[in-house]
Protein backbone atom coordinates (compact mmCIF):
# COMPACT_ATOMS: atom_id res chain seq x y z
CA MET A 1 26.96 6.51 -74.45
CA LEU A 2 26.38 5.65 -78.09
CA LYS A 3 27.35 8.63 -80.25
CA LYS A 4 28.06 7.50 -83.82
CA VAL A 5 26.59 4.60 -85.82
CA LEU A 6 27.53 3.50 -89.34
CA VAL A 7 24.54 2.08 -91.23
CA VAL A 8 25.59 -0.09 -94.20
CA ASP A 9 22.72 -0.96 -96.54
CA ASP A 10 22.02 -0.41 -100.22
CA SER A 11 18.44 0.78 -99.59
CA SER A 12 17.82 4.48 -98.95
CA LEU A 13 14.47 3.56 -97.38
CA ILE A 14 16.24 1.33 -94.84
CA HIS A 15 18.57 4.21 -93.96
CA GLN A 16 15.53 6.38 -93.20
CA MET A 17 14.02 3.63 -91.06
CA TYR A 18 17.23 3.34 -89.00
CA LYS A 19 17.17 7.08 -88.36
CA LEU A 20 13.75 6.65 -86.73
CA VAL A 21 14.62 3.45 -84.85
CA LEU A 22 17.82 4.98 -83.43
CA LEU A 23 16.23 8.29 -82.32
CA ARG A 24 16.20 7.13 -78.70
CA TYR A 25 20.02 7.12 -78.65
CA LYS A 26 20.42 10.69 -79.94
CA CYS A 27 23.39 9.49 -81.97
CA GLU A 28 24.85 10.63 -85.25
CA ILE A 29 24.15 8.24 -88.12
CA VAL A 30 26.61 7.86 -90.99
CA ASP A 31 25.32 6.18 -94.15
CA ALA A 32 27.16 3.78 -96.48
CA MET A 33 25.53 2.05 -99.46
CA ASN A 34 27.96 -0.90 -99.67
CA GLY A 35 30.81 -2.58 -97.83
CA GLN A 36 33.59 -0.73 -99.66
CA GLU A 37 32.08 2.65 -98.83
CA ALA A 38 31.72 1.49 -95.23
CA LEU A 39 35.38 0.46 -95.05
CA ASP A 40 36.45 3.82 -96.46
CA ILE A 41 34.31 5.66 -93.89
CA ILE A 42 35.30 3.58 -90.86
CA THR A 43 38.98 3.92 -91.75
CA LEU A 44 38.72 7.72 -91.84
CA GLN A 45 36.24 8.22 -89.00
CA GLN A 46 37.82 6.57 -85.97
CA ASP A 47 34.89 7.61 -83.75
CA ILE A 48 32.38 5.14 -85.27
CA GLN A 49 31.10 3.09 -82.33
CA LEU A 50 28.70 0.63 -83.98
CA VAL A 51 28.07 -0.80 -87.46
CA LEU A 52 24.64 -2.04 -88.59
CA LEU A 53 25.41 -4.22 -91.60
CA ASP A 54 23.35 -5.71 -94.41
CA ILE A 55 24.71 -8.82 -96.17
CA ASN A 56 23.46 -8.56 -99.75
CA MET A 57 24.85 -5.38 -101.34
CA PRO A 58 26.61 -4.40 -104.56
CA VAL A 59 30.34 -3.61 -104.86
CA MET A 60 31.27 -5.35 -101.57
CA ASN A 61 28.76 -7.45 -99.63
CA GLY A 62 28.51 -7.73 -95.86
CA VAL A 63 30.56 -10.92 -95.57
CA GLN A 64 33.36 -9.39 -97.66
CA PHE A 65 33.19 -6.29 -95.42
CA MET A 66 33.51 -8.49 -92.32
CA GLU A 67 36.51 -10.33 -93.81
CA LYS A 68 38.34 -7.07 -94.57
CA ALA A 69 37.30 -5.44 -91.28
CA ALA A 70 38.54 -8.46 -89.31
CA THR A 71 41.86 -8.43 -91.19
CA LEU A 72 42.28 -4.71 -90.41
CA GLY A 73 41.35 -5.20 -86.74
CA ILE A 74 38.23 -3.06 -87.07
CA THR A 75 35.90 -5.73 -85.65
CA LYS A 76 37.96 -5.76 -82.44
CA ARG A 77 37.31 -2.08 -81.79
CA VAL A 78 33.89 -1.54 -83.41
CA PRO A 79 30.96 -3.90 -82.75
CA VAL A 80 28.98 -5.04 -85.80
CA ILE A 81 25.35 -6.17 -85.85
CA ILE A 82 24.27 -7.98 -89.01
CA ILE A 83 20.72 -7.12 -90.07
CA SER A 84 19.71 -8.88 -93.26
CA THR A 85 16.96 -10.74 -95.09
CA GLU A 86 18.70 -11.97 -98.17
CA GLY A 87 21.89 -13.42 -96.74
CA LYS A 88 22.21 -17.18 -96.65
CA GLU A 89 22.46 -18.77 -93.23
CA GLU A 90 26.09 -19.70 -93.87
CA ASP A 91 26.86 -16.03 -94.64
CA THR A 92 25.39 -15.00 -91.30
CA ILE A 93 27.33 -17.70 -89.44
CA ARG A 94 30.51 -16.62 -91.23
CA GLY A 95 29.86 -12.98 -90.28
CA LEU A 96 29.41 -13.97 -86.64
CA LYS A 97 32.61 -16.04 -86.73
CA LEU A 98 34.42 -13.01 -88.18
CA GLY A 99 33.41 -10.96 -85.15
CA ALA A 100 29.84 -9.68 -85.52
CA LYS A 101 28.21 -9.24 -82.10
CA GLY A 102 24.69 -10.12 -83.18
CA TYR A 103 22.23 -10.85 -85.95
CA LEU A 104 18.68 -9.75 -86.68
CA LYS A 105 16.53 -10.84 -89.59
CA LYS A 106 14.64 -8.18 -91.58
CA PRO A 107 11.99 -7.16 -90.95
CA PHE A 108 12.87 -6.80 -87.28
CA ASN A 109 11.08 -5.27 -84.33
CA PRO A 110 12.81 -2.09 -83.11
CA PRO A 111 12.84 -3.33 -79.48
CA ASP A 112 14.94 -6.32 -80.62
CA LEU A 113 17.56 -3.97 -82.08
CA HIS A 114 17.40 -1.78 -78.96
CA ASP A 115 18.01 -4.87 -76.79
CA LEU A 116 21.09 -5.84 -78.81
CA ILE A 117 22.48 -2.30 -78.70
CA ASP A 118 21.79 -2.04 -74.97
CA LYS A 119 23.72 -5.29 -74.36
CA ILE A 120 26.70 -3.94 -76.30
CA PHE A 121 26.46 -0.44 -74.78
CA PRO A 122 24.78 -0.78 -71.36
CA ALA A 123 24.92 2.98 -70.73
CA ALA A 124 23.34 3.78 -74.13
CA ASN A 125 19.76 3.13 -73.06
CA VAL A 126 18.43 6.60 -72.32
CA ALA A 127 14.71 5.81 -72.68
């Protein structure tokens, strides 16, 4: 069962939207506003089970996060879904090559995100 999700996006509005979209999973949501903050959180909180990652952010973007996370072995233990509008196609491809489990383009339909999560965590679908 999905219990803890790290949402990495520099928009507070997007964080609020994810809280609504992920209600069906009854999971705890941890917020990070950039890749560096996300790395700090995921290093300290070993119980993060999923990362929803934007590409275009200040301080450390999503591709830089994926590079560091892959080097640290984080992407082997925690699935990452890239959800972005502003990333270039090559950034998305690079993120997938670095270990991301999926990609959605903003704006996305919530059922599309649910489908990706349910593929990664088959027992998570409680609806």
